[in-house]
Structure formats: C-alpha cells, structure tokens
Amino acid sequence: TGAEGKVLEEAKTINKSLSALGNVINALTSSPTKASHIPYR
C-alpha cells in the first residue's frame, strides 16, 4: 500500500482490530477446553 505517516498509523489500527476479530473467531471455534474466554473486549 505504500502507507506512510497518518495512513500508516490508520493501517496499524485497522490490522490490530482485524487481528482481534480473528482471535474472537478462533476462540469461538476452538474446543471448550481450549477457549474458556472470548476476547470480545
């Protein structure tokens, strides 16, 4: 993307929230013994 400056900071925040979304989905689809907490927050 060639992101720099403000656009780069936006990209970091976007990727961080999408990573959190992935973590929630991984927790929801893991076995109950592996995922007792869903990190919605």
PDB file of all heavy atoms in Angstrom:
ATOM      1  N   THR A   1       0.815  -1.217   0.000  1.00  0.00           N
ATOM      2  CA  THR A   1       0.000   0.000   0.000  1.00  0.00           C
ATOM      3  C   THR A   1       0.847   1.264   0.000  1.00  0.00           C
ATOM      4  O   THR A   1       0.366   2.335  -0.348  1.00  0.00           O
ATOM      5  CB  THR A   1      -0.928   0.034   1.233  1.00  0.00           C
ATOM      6  OG1 THR A   1      -0.123   0.034   2.426  1.00  0.00           O
ATOM      7  CG2 THR A   1      -1.867  -1.156   1.248  1.00  0.00           C
ATOM      8  N   GLY A   2       2.130   1.144   0.404  1.00  0.00           N
ATOM      9  CA  GLY A   2       2.990   2.325   0.468  1.00  0.00           C
ATOM     10  C   GLY A   2       2.549   3.302   1.543  1.00  0.00           C
ATOM     11  O   GLY A   2       2.787   4.508   1.423  1.00  0.00           O
ATOM     12  N   ALA A   3       1.908   2.804   2.606  1.00  0.00           N
ATOM     13  CA  ALA A   3       1.370   3.679   3.652  1.00  0.00           C
ATOM     14  C   ALA A   3       2.489   4.389   4.403  1.00  0.00           C
ATOM     15  O   ALA A   3       3.502   3.778   4.765  1.00  0.00           O
ATOM     16  CB  ALA A   3       0.520   2.864   4.626  1.00  0.00           C
ATOM     17  N   GLU A   4       2.279   5.676   4.654  1.00  0.00           N
ATOM     18  CA  GLU A   4       3.229   6.487   5.416  1.00  0.00           C
ATOM     19  C   GLU A   4       2.453   7.434   6.330  1.00  0.00           C
ATOM     20  O   GLU A   4       1.293   7.760   6.075  1.00  0.00           O
ATOM     21  CB  GLU A   4       4.123   7.310   4.481  1.00  0.00           C
ATOM     22  CG  GLU A   4       5.017   6.483   3.572  1.00  0.00           C
ATOM     23  CD  GLU A   4       5.830   7.356   2.626  1.00  0.00           C
ATOM     24  OE1 GLU A   4       5.460   8.549   2.465  1.00  0.00           O
ATOM     25  OE2 GLU A   4       6.827   6.869   2.065  1.00  0.00           O
ATOM     26  N   GLY A   5       3.144   7.898   7.374  1.00  0.00           N
ATOM     27  CA  GLY A   5       2.562   8.908   8.241  1.00  0.00           C
ATOM     28  C   GLY A   5       1.220   8.511   8.818  1.00  0.00           C
ATOM     29  O   GLY A   5       1.058   7.432   9.386  1.00  0.00           O
ATOM     30  N   LYS A   6       0.222   9.392   8.653  1.00  0.00           N
ATOM     31  CA  LYS A   6      -1.107   9.166   9.212  1.00  0.00           C
ATOM     32  C   LYS A   6      -1.739   7.904   8.640  1.00  0.00           C
ATOM     33  O   LYS A   6      -2.376   7.132   9.367  1.00  0.00           O
ATOM     34  CB  LYS A   6      -1.995  10.375   8.910  1.00  0.00           C
ATOM     35  CG  LYS A   6      -3.418  10.236   9.418  1.00  0.00           C
ATOM     36  CD  LYS A   6      -4.267  11.446   9.026  1.00  0.00           C
ATOM     37  CE  LYS A   6      -5.712  11.276   9.463  1.00  0.00           C
ATOM     38  NZ  LYS A   6      -6.556  12.415   9.034  1.00  0.00           N
ATOM     39  N   VAL A   7      -1.561   7.679   7.332  1.00  0.00           N
ATOM     40  CA  VAL A   7      -2.145   6.490   6.697  1.00  0.00           C
ATOM     41  C   VAL A   7      -1.540   5.219   7.287  1.00  0.00           C
ATOM     42  O   VAL A   7      -2.225   4.205   7.462  1.00  0.00           O
ATOM     43  CB  VAL A   7      -1.923   6.531   5.166  1.00  0.00           C
ATOM     44  CG1 VAL A   7      -2.446   5.254   4.512  1.00  0.00           C
ATOM     45  CG2 VAL A   7      -2.618   7.742   4.563  1.00  0.00           C
ATOM     46  N   LEU A   8      -0.260   5.259   7.624  1.00  0.00           N
ATOM     47  CA  LEU A   8       0.394   4.104   8.239  1.00  0.00           C
ATOM     48  C   LEU A   8      -0.188   3.830   9.623  1.00  0.00           C
ATOM     49  O   LEU A   8      -0.442   2.664   9.980  1.00  0.00           O
ATOM     50  CB  LEU A   8       1.899   4.353   8.339  1.00  0.00           C
ATOM     51  CG  LEU A   8       2.727   3.256   9.032  1.00  0.00           C
ATOM     52  CD1 LEU A   8       2.549   1.916   8.317  1.00  0.00           C
ATOM     53  CD2 LEU A   8       4.199   3.644   9.095  1.00  0.00           C
ATOM     54  N   GLU A   9      -0.409   4.887  10.409  1.00  0.00           N
ATOM     55  CA  GLU A   9      -0.995   4.704  11.734  1.00  0.00           C
ATOM     56  C   GLU A   9      -2.406   4.144  11.629  1.00  0.00           C
ATOM     57  O   GLU A   9      -2.821   3.305  12.434  1.00  0.00           O
ATOM     58  CB  GLU A   9      -1.009   6.040  12.492  1.00  0.00           C
ATOM     59  CG  GLU A   9       0.372   6.555  12.872  1.00  0.00           C
ATOM     60  CD  GLU A   9       1.174   5.539  13.674  1.00  0.00           C
ATOM     61  OE1 GLU A   9       0.607   4.981  14.648  1.00  0.00           O
ATOM     62  OE2 GLU A   9       2.334   5.280  13.323  1.00  0.00           O
ATOM     63  N   GLU A  10      -3.169   4.610  10.626  1.00  0.00           N
ATOM     64  CA  GLU A  10      -4.510   4.069  10.396  1.00  0.00           C
ATOM     65  C   GLU A  10      -4.433   2.581  10.071  1.00  0.00           C
ATOM     66  O   GLU A  10      -5.218   1.776  10.574  1.00  0.00           O
ATOM     67  CB  GLU A  10      -5.181   4.829   9.247  1.00  0.00           C
ATOM     68  CG  GLU A  10      -5.525   6.269   9.577  1.00  0.00           C
ATOM     69  CD  GLU A  10      -5.950   7.060   8.347  1.00  0.00           C
ATOM     70  OE1 GLU A  10      -5.683   6.595   7.215  1.00  0.00           O
ATOM     71  OE2 GLU A  10      -6.543   8.144   8.506  1.00  0.00           O
ATOM     72  N   ALA A  11      -3.460   2.226   9.214  1.00  0.00           N
ATOM     73  CA  ALA A  11      -3.303   0.823   8.812  1.00  0.00           C
ATOM     74  C   ALA A  11      -2.982  -0.063  10.011  1.00  0.00           C
ATOM     75  O   ALA A  11      -3.505  -1.185  10.131  1.00  0.00           O
ATOM     76  CB  ALA A  11      -2.209   0.701   7.749  1.00  0.00           C
ATOM     77  N   LYS A  12      -2.137   0.425  10.903  1.00  0.00           N
ATOM     78  CA  LYS A  12      -1.779  -0.356  12.090  1.00  0.00           C
ATOM     79  C   LYS A  12      -3.018  -0.608  12.950  1.00  0.00           C
ATOM     80  O   LYS A  12      -3.222  -1.720  13.452  1.00  0.00           O
ATOM     81  CB  LYS A  12      -0.721   0.387  12.911  1.00  0.00           C
ATOM     82  CG  LYS A  12       0.654   0.427  12.266  1.00  0.00           C
ATOM     83  CD  LYS A  12       1.628   1.205  13.145  1.00  0.00           C
ATOM     84  CE  LYS A  12       3.021   1.275  12.526  1.00  0.00           C
ATOM     85  NZ  LYS A  12       3.946   2.080  13.371  1.00  0.00           N
ATOM     86  N   THR A  13      -3.841   0.436  13.130  1.00  0.00           N
ATOM     87  CA  THR A  13      -5.053   0.291  13.944  1.00  0.00           C
ATOM     88  C   THR A  13      -6.046  -0.656  13.280  1.00  0.00           C
ATOM     89  O   THR A  13      -6.675  -1.481  13.945  1.00  0.00           O
ATOM     90  CB  THR A  13      -5.709   1.665  14.170  1.00  0.00           C
ATOM     91  OG1 THR A  13      -4.750   2.567  14.704  1.00  0.00           O
ATOM     92  CG2 THR A  13      -6.867   1.548  15.145  1.00  0.00           C
ATOM     93  N   ILE A  14      -6.193  -0.540  11.946  1.00  0.00           N
ATOM     94  CA  ILE A  14      -7.098  -1.431  11.204  1.00  0.00           C
ATOM     95  C   ILE A  14      -6.657  -2.882  11.363  1.00  0.00           C
ATOM     96  O   ILE A  14      -7.461  -3.773  11.691  1.00  0.00           O
ATOM     97  CB  ILE A  14      -7.130  -1.051   9.711  1.00  0.00           C
ATOM     98  CG1 ILE A  14      -7.837   0.296   9.523  1.00  0.00           C
ATOM     99  CG2 ILE A  14      -7.827  -2.129   8.885  1.00  0.00           C
ATOM    100  CD1 ILE A  14      -7.665   0.889   8.142  1.00  0.00           C
ATOM    101  N   ASN A  15      -5.374  -3.140  11.133  1.00  0.00           N
ATOM    102  CA  ASN A  15      -4.867  -4.516  11.217  1.00  0.00           C
ATOM    103  C   ASN A  15      -4.991  -5.073  12.628  1.00  0.00           C
ATOM    104  O   ASN A  15      -5.252  -6.264  12.823  1.00  0.00           O
ATOM    105  CB  ASN A  15      -3.414  -4.564  10.756  1.00  0.00           C
ATOM    106  CG  ASN A  15      -3.284  -4.374   9.253  1.00  0.00           C
ATOM    107  OD1 ASN A  15      -4.240  -4.554   8.512  1.00  0.00           O
ATOM    108  ND2 ASN A  15      -2.101  -4.004   8.807  1.00  0.00           N
ATOM    109  N   LYS A  16      -4.812  -4.196  13.636  1.00  0.00           N
ATOM    110  CA  LYS A  16      -4.930  -4.645  15.019  1.00  0.00           C
ATOM    111  C   LYS A  16      -6.360  -5.075  15.329  1.00  0.00           C
ATOM    112  O   LYS A  16      -6.587  -6.109  15.973  1.00  0.00           O
ATOM    113  CB  LYS A  16      -4.497  -3.525  15.972  1.00  0.00           C
ATOM    114  CG  LYS A  16      -4.499  -3.928  17.437  1.00  0.00           C
ATOM    115  CD  LYS A  16      -4.008  -2.793  18.324  1.00  0.00           C
ATOM    116  CE  LYS A  16      -4.024  -3.198  19.795  1.00  0.00           C
ATOM    117  NZ  LYS A  16      -3.562  -2.096  20.671  1.00  0.00           N
ATOM    118  N   SER A  17      -7.351  -4.297  14.871  1.00  0.00           N
ATOM    119  CA  SER A  17      -8.751  -4.653  15.145  1.00  0.00           C
ATOM    120  C   SER A  17      -9.166  -5.900  14.368  1.00  0.00           C
ATOM    121  O   SER A  17      -9.934  -6.726  14.868  1.00  0.00           O
ATOM    122  CB  SER A  17      -9.680  -3.484  14.818  1.00  0.00           C
ATOM    123  OG  SER A  17      -9.637  -3.167  13.448  1.00  0.00           O
ATOM    124  N   LEU A  18      -8.645  -6.044  13.140  1.00  0.00           N
ATOM    125  CA  LEU A  18      -8.950  -7.256  12.366  1.00  0.00           C
ATOM    126  C   LEU A  18      -8.301  -8.483  12.999  1.00  0.00           C
ATOM    127  O   LEU A  18      -8.854  -9.585  12.960  1.00  0.00           O
ATOM    128  CB  LEU A  18      -8.479  -7.092  10.917  1.00  0.00           C
ATOM    129  CG  LEU A  18      -9.249  -6.064  10.085  1.00  0.00           C
ATOM    130  CD1 LEU A  18      -8.614  -5.913   8.709  1.00  0.00           C
ATOM    131  CD2 LEU A  18     -10.713  -6.455   9.946  1.00  0.00           C
ATOM    132  N   SER A  19      -7.136  -8.287  13.590  1.00  0.00           N
ATOM    133  CA  SER A  19      -6.488  -9.375  14.313  1.00  0.00           C
ATOM    134  C   SER A  19      -7.312  -9.775  15.532  1.00  0.00           C
ATOM    135  O   SER A  19      -7.467 -10.969  15.833  1.00  0.00           O
ATOM    136  CB  SER A  19      -5.085  -8.940  14.746  1.00  0.00           C
ATOM    137  OG  SER A  19      -4.462  -9.953  15.516  1.00  0.00           O
ATOM    138  N   ALA A  20      -7.884  -8.771  16.217  1.00  0.00           N
ATOM    139  CA  ALA A  20      -8.761  -9.063  17.360  1.00  0.00           C
ATOM    140  C   ALA A  20      -9.994  -9.837  16.906  1.00  0.00           C
ATOM    141  O   ALA A  20     -10.461 -10.750  17.599  1.00  0.00           O
ATOM    142  CB  ALA A  20      -9.175  -7.761  18.047  1.00  0.00           C
ATOM    143  N   LEU A  21     -10.526  -9.481  15.724  1.00  0.00           N
ATOM    144  CA  LEU A  21     -11.670 -10.207  15.164  1.00  0.00           C
ATOM    145  C   LEU A  21     -11.295 -11.664  14.903  1.00  0.00           C
ATOM    146  O   LEU A  21     -12.059 -12.581  15.207  1.00  0.00           O
ATOM    147  CB  LEU A  21     -12.129  -9.532  13.873  1.00  0.00           C
ATOM    148  CG  LEU A  21     -13.268 -10.203  13.105  1.00  0.00           C
ATOM    149  CD1 LEU A  21     -14.523 -10.318  13.959  1.00  0.00           C
ATOM    150  CD2 LEU A  21     -13.572  -9.433  11.817  1.00  0.00           C
ATOM    151  N   GLY A  22     -10.105 -11.874  14.344  1.00  0.00           N
ATOM    152  CA  GLY A  22      -9.636 -13.240  14.107  1.00  0.00           C
ATOM    153  C   GLY A  22      -9.479 -14.023  15.397  1.00  0.00           C
ATOM    154  O   GLY A  22      -9.807 -15.216  15.461  1.00  0.00           O
ATOM    155  N   ASN A  23      -9.004 -13.353  16.446  1.00  0.00           N
ATOM    156  CA  ASN A  23      -8.831 -14.027  17.735  1.00  0.00           C
ATOM    157  C   ASN A  23     -10.172 -14.450  18.326  1.00  0.00           C
ATOM    158  O   ASN A  23     -10.286 -15.524  18.924  1.00  0.00           O
ATOM    159  CB  ASN A  23      -8.102 -13.100  18.716  1.00  0.00           C
ATOM    160  CG  ASN A  23      -6.659 -12.865  18.333  1.00  0.00           C
ATOM    161  OD1 ASN A  23      -6.057 -13.656  17.601  1.00  0.00           O
ATOM    162  ND2 ASN A  23      -6.082 -11.779  18.811  1.00  0.00           N
ATOM    163  N   VAL A  24     -11.191 -13.602  18.156  1.00  0.00           N
ATOM    164  CA  VAL A  24     -12.532 -13.955  18.650  1.00  0.00           C
ATOM    165  C   VAL A  24     -13.062 -15.174  17.905  1.00  0.00           C
ATOM    166  O   VAL A  24     -13.603 -16.107  18.516  1.00  0.00           O
ATOM    167  CB  VAL A  24     -13.493 -12.756  18.499  1.00  0.00           C
ATOM    168  CG1 VAL A  24     -14.946 -13.212  18.682  1.00  0.00           C
ATOM    169  CG2 VAL A  24     -13.160 -11.676  19.505  1.00  0.00           C
ATOM    170  N   ILE A  25     -12.901 -15.180  16.593  1.00  0.00           N
ATOM    171  CA  ILE A  25     -13.395 -16.312  15.798  1.00  0.00           C
ATOM    172  C   ILE A  25     -12.635 -17.591  16.148  1.00  0.00           C
ATOM    173  O   ILE A  25     -13.224 -18.677  16.263  1.00  0.00           O
ATOM    174  CB  ILE A  25     -13.290 -15.986  14.294  1.00  0.00           C
ATOM    175  CG1 ILE A  25     -14.356 -14.939  13.943  1.00  0.00           C
ATOM    176  CG2 ILE A  25     -13.455 -17.231  13.434  1.00  0.00           C
ATOM    177  CD1 ILE A  25     -14.362 -14.519  12.506  1.00  0.00           C
ATOM    178  N   ASN A  26     -11.333 -17.475  16.347  1.00  0.00           N
ATOM    179  CA  ASN A  26     -10.558 -18.652  16.751  1.00  0.00           C
ATOM    180  C   ASN A  26     -11.030 -19.179  18.102  1.00  0.00           C
ATOM    181  O   ASN A  26     -11.136 -20.398  18.303  1.00  0.00           O
ATOM    182  CB  ASN A  26      -9.065 -18.302  16.828  1.00  0.00           C
ATOM    183  CG  ASN A  26      -8.444 -18.138  15.455  1.00  0.00           C
ATOM    184  OD1 ASN A  26      -8.958 -18.653  14.464  1.00  0.00           O
ATOM    185  ND2 ASN A  26      -7.347 -17.409  15.385  1.00  0.00           N
ATOM    186  N   ALA A  27     -11.317 -18.261  19.035  1.00  0.00           N
ATOM    187  CA  ALA A  27     -11.782 -18.683  20.360  1.00  0.00           C
ATOM    188  C   ALA A  27     -13.158 -19.335  20.270  1.00  0.00           C
ATOM    189  O   ALA A  27     -13.435 -20.328  20.956  1.00  0.00           O
ATOM    190  CB  ALA A  27     -11.821 -17.484  21.306  1.00  0.00           C
ATOM    191  N   LEU A  28     -14.036 -18.785  19.424  1.00  0.00           N
ATOM    192  CA  LEU A  28     -15.391 -19.331  19.288  1.00  0.00           C
ATOM    193  C   LEU A  28     -15.395 -20.707  18.639  1.00  0.00           C
ATOM    194  O   LEU A  28     -16.294 -21.510  18.897  1.00  0.00           O
ATOM    195  CB  LEU A  28     -16.257 -18.377  18.454  1.00  0.00           C
ATOM    196  CG  LEU A  28     -16.714 -17.088  19.145  1.00  0.00           C
ATOM    197  CD1 LEU A  28     -17.309 -16.130  18.126  1.00  0.00           C
ATOM    198  CD2 LEU A  28     -17.727 -17.396  20.240  1.00  0.00           C
ATOM    199  N   THR A  29     -14.430 -20.965  17.789  1.00  0.00           N
ATOM    200  CA  THR A  29     -14.416 -22.231  17.048  1.00  0.00           C
ATOM    201  C   THR A  29     -13.429 -23.241  17.620  1.00  0.00           C
ATOM    202  O   THR A  29     -13.254 -24.321  17.050  1.00  0.00           O
ATOM    203  CB  THR A  29     -14.073 -21.979  15.570  1.00  0.00           C
ATOM    204  OG1 THR A  29     -12.836 -21.251  15.476  1.00  0.00           O
ATOM    205  CG2 THR A  29     -15.164 -21.173  14.902  1.00  0.00           C
ATOM    206  N   SER A  30     -12.781 -22.891  18.737  1.00  0.00           N
ATOM    207  CA  SER A  30     -11.895 -23.843  19.407  1.00  0.00           C
ATOM    208  C   SER A  30     -12.714 -24.737  20.318  1.00  0.00           C
ATOM    209  O   SER A  30     -13.858 -24.437  20.651  1.00  0.00           O
ATOM    210  CB  SER A  30     -10.828 -23.102  20.220  1.00  0.00           C
ATOM    211  OG  SER A  30      -9.992 -22.333  19.384  1.00  0.00           O
ATOM    212  N   SER A  31     -12.124 -25.835  20.734  1.00  0.00           N
ATOM    213  CA  SER A  31     -12.827 -26.729  21.654  1.00  0.00           C
ATOM    214  C   SER A  31     -13.020 -26.037  22.991  1.00  0.00           C
ATOM    215  O   SER A  31     -12.223 -25.187  23.379  1.00  0.00           O
ATOM    216  CB  SER A  31     -12.010 -28.017  21.848  1.00  0.00           C
ATOM    217  OG  SER A  31     -10.754 -27.726  22.445  1.00  0.00           O
ATOM    218  N   PRO A  32     -14.073 -26.388  23.719  1.00  0.00           N
ATOM    219  CA  PRO A  32     -14.363 -25.731  25.001  1.00  0.00           C
ATOM    220  C   PRO A  32     -13.201 -25.796  25.990  1.00  0.00           C
ATOM    221  O   PRO A  32     -13.023 -24.903  26.805  1.00  0.00           O
ATOM    222  CB  PRO A  32     -15.578 -26.511  25.527  1.00  0.00           C
ATOM    223  CG  PRO A  32     -16.216 -27.078  24.301  1.00  0.00           C
ATOM    224  CD  PRO A  32     -15.088 -27.381  23.365  1.00  0.00           C
ATOM    225  N   THR A  33     -12.412 -26.858  25.919  1.00  0.00           N
ATOM    226  CA  THR A  33     -11.295 -26.999  26.855  1.00  0.00           C
ATOM    227  C   THR A  33     -10.168 -26.018  26.545  1.00  0.00           C
ATOM    228  O   THR A  33      -9.380 -25.664  27.405  1.00  0.00           O
ATOM    229  CB  THR A  33     -10.737 -28.427  26.800  1.00  0.00           C
ATOM    230  OG1 THR A  33     -10.357 -28.731  25.436  1.00  0.00           O
ATOM    231  CG2 THR A  33     -11.775 -29.426  27.265  1.00  0.00           C
ATOM    232  N   LYS A  34     -10.098 -25.557  25.277  1.00  0.00           N
ATOM    233  CA  LYS A  34      -9.020 -24.650  24.883  1.00  0.00           C
ATOM    234  C   LYS A  34      -9.415 -23.184  25.008  1.00  0.00           C
ATOM    235  O   LYS A  34      -8.560 -22.331  25.185  1.00  0.00           O
ATOM    236  CB  LYS A  34      -8.599 -24.944  23.440  1.00  0.00           C
ATOM    237  CG  LYS A  34      -7.879 -26.274  23.269  1.00  0.00           C
ATOM    238  CD  LYS A  34      -7.411 -26.432  21.823  1.00  0.00           C
ATOM    239  CE  LYS A  34      -6.654 -27.738  21.640  1.00  0.00           C
ATOM    240  NZ  LYS A  34      -6.175 -27.904  20.240  1.00  0.00           N
ATOM    241  N   ALA A  35     -10.694 -22.877  24.872  1.00  0.00           N
ATOM    242  CA  ALA A  35     -11.126 -21.468  24.871  1.00  0.00           C
ATOM    243  C   ALA A  35     -12.258 -21.256  25.866  1.00  0.00           C
ATOM    244  O   ALA A  35     -13.418 -21.481  25.555  1.00  0.00           O
ATOM    245  CB  ALA A  35     -11.576 -21.060  23.472  1.00  0.00           C
ATOM    246  N   SER A  36     -11.919 -20.866  27.084  1.00  0.00           N
ATOM    247  CA  SER A  36     -12.935 -20.575  28.084  1.00  0.00           C
ATOM    248  C   SER A  36     -13.309 -19.095  28.079  1.00  0.00           C
ATOM    249  O   SER A  36     -14.317 -18.696  28.643  1.00  0.00           O
ATOM    250  CB  SER A  36     -12.434 -20.975  29.477  1.00  0.00           C
ATOM    251  OG  SER A  36     -11.225 -20.288  29.769  1.00  0.00           O
ATOM    252  N   HIS A  37     -12.488 -18.270  27.440  1.00  0.00           N
ATOM    253  CA  HIS A  37     -12.724 -16.829  27.396  1.00  0.00           C
ATOM    254  C   HIS A  37     -12.769 -16.349  25.952  1.00  0.00           C
ATOM    255  O   HIS A  37     -11.894 -16.688  25.149  1.00  0.00           O
ATOM    256  CB  HIS A  37     -11.608 -16.093  28.148  1.00  0.00           C
ATOM    257  CG  HIS A  37     -11.623 -14.615  27.935  1.00  0.00           C
ATOM    258  ND1 HIS A  37     -12.640 -13.807  28.411  1.00  0.00           N
ATOM    259  CD2 HIS A  37     -10.761 -13.787  27.272  1.00  0.00           C
ATOM    260  CE1 HIS A  37     -12.393 -12.555  28.075  1.00  0.00           C
ATOM    261  NE2 HIS A  37     -11.260 -12.508  27.379  1.00  0.00           N
ATOM    262  N   ILE A  38     -13.812 -15.580  25.610  1.00  0.00           N
ATOM    263  CA  ILE A  38     -13.926 -14.998  24.272  1.00  0.00           C
ATOM    264  C   ILE A  38     -13.528 -13.524  24.383  1.00  0.00           C
ATOM    265  O   ILE A  38     -14.220 -12.755  25.058  1.00  0.00           O
ATOM    266  CB  ILE A  38     -15.360 -15.127  23.715  1.00  0.00           C
ATOM    267  CG1 ILE A  38     -15.861 -16.563  23.845  1.00  0.00           C
ATOM    268  CG2 ILE A  38     -15.384 -14.666  22.266  1.00  0.00           C
ATOM    269  CD1 ILE A  38     -15.044 -17.601  23.113  1.00  0.00           C
ATOM    270  N   PRO A  39     -12.457 -13.094  23.725  1.00  0.00           N
ATOM    271  CA  PRO A  39     -11.929 -11.726  23.925  1.00  0.00           C
ATOM    272  C   PRO A  39     -12.689 -10.654  23.144  1.00  0.00           C
ATOM    273  O   PRO A  39     -12.103  -9.912  22.345  1.00  0.00           O
ATOM    274  CB  PRO A  39     -10.471 -11.860  23.452  1.00  0.00           C
ATOM    275  CG  PRO A  39     -10.516 -12.912  22.394  1.00  0.00           C
ATOM    276  CD  PRO A  39     -11.565 -13.898  22.847  1.00  0.00           C
ATOM    277  N   TYR A  40     -13.994 -10.535  23.381  1.00  0.00           N
ATOM    278  CA  TYR A  40     -14.797  -9.523  22.688  1.00  0.00           C
ATOM    279  C   TYR A  40     -14.317  -8.103  22.993  1.00  0.00           C
ATOM    280  O   TYR A  40     -14.415  -7.211  22.147  1.00  0.00           O
ATOM    281  CB  TYR A  40     -16.274  -9.636  23.092  1.00  0.00           C
ATOM    282  CG  TYR A  40     -16.985 -10.858  22.581  1.00  0.00           C
ATOM    283  CD1 TYR A  40     -17.474 -11.819  23.469  1.00  0.00           C
ATOM    284  CD2 TYR A  40     -17.185 -11.061  21.222  1.00  0.00           C
ATOM    285  CE1 TYR A  40     -18.158 -12.939  23.008  1.00  0.00           C
ATOM    286  CE2 TYR A  40     -17.863 -12.183  20.750  1.00  0.00           C
ATOM    287  CZ  TYR A  40     -18.336 -13.118  21.653  1.00  0.00           C
ATOM    288  OH  TYR A  40     -19.007 -14.229  21.195  1.00  0.00           O
ATOM    289  N   ARG A  41     -13.814  -7.883  24.195  1.00  0.00           N
ATOM    290  CA  ARG A  41     -13.477  -6.530  24.626  1.00  0.00           C
ATOM    291  C   ARG A  41     -12.091  -6.074  24.172  1.00  0.00           C
ATOM    292  O   ARG A  41     -11.652  -4.992  24.553  1.00  0.00           O
ATOM    293  CB  ARG A  41     -13.583  -6.430  26.157  1.00  0.00           C
ATOM    294  CG  ARG A  41     -15.010  -6.605  26.667  1.00  0.00           C
ATOM    295  CD  ARG A  41     -15.072  -6.490  28.182  1.00  0.00           C
ATOM    296  NE  ARG A  41     -16.438  -6.661  28.670  1.00  0.00           N
ATOM    297  CZ  ARG A  41     -17.301  -5.668  28.828  1.00  0.00           C
ATOM    298  NH1 ARG A  41     -16.933  -4.441  28.546  1.00  0.00           N
ATOM    299  NH2 ARG A  41     -18.526  -5.896  29.279  1.00  0.00           N
TER     300      ARG A  41
END
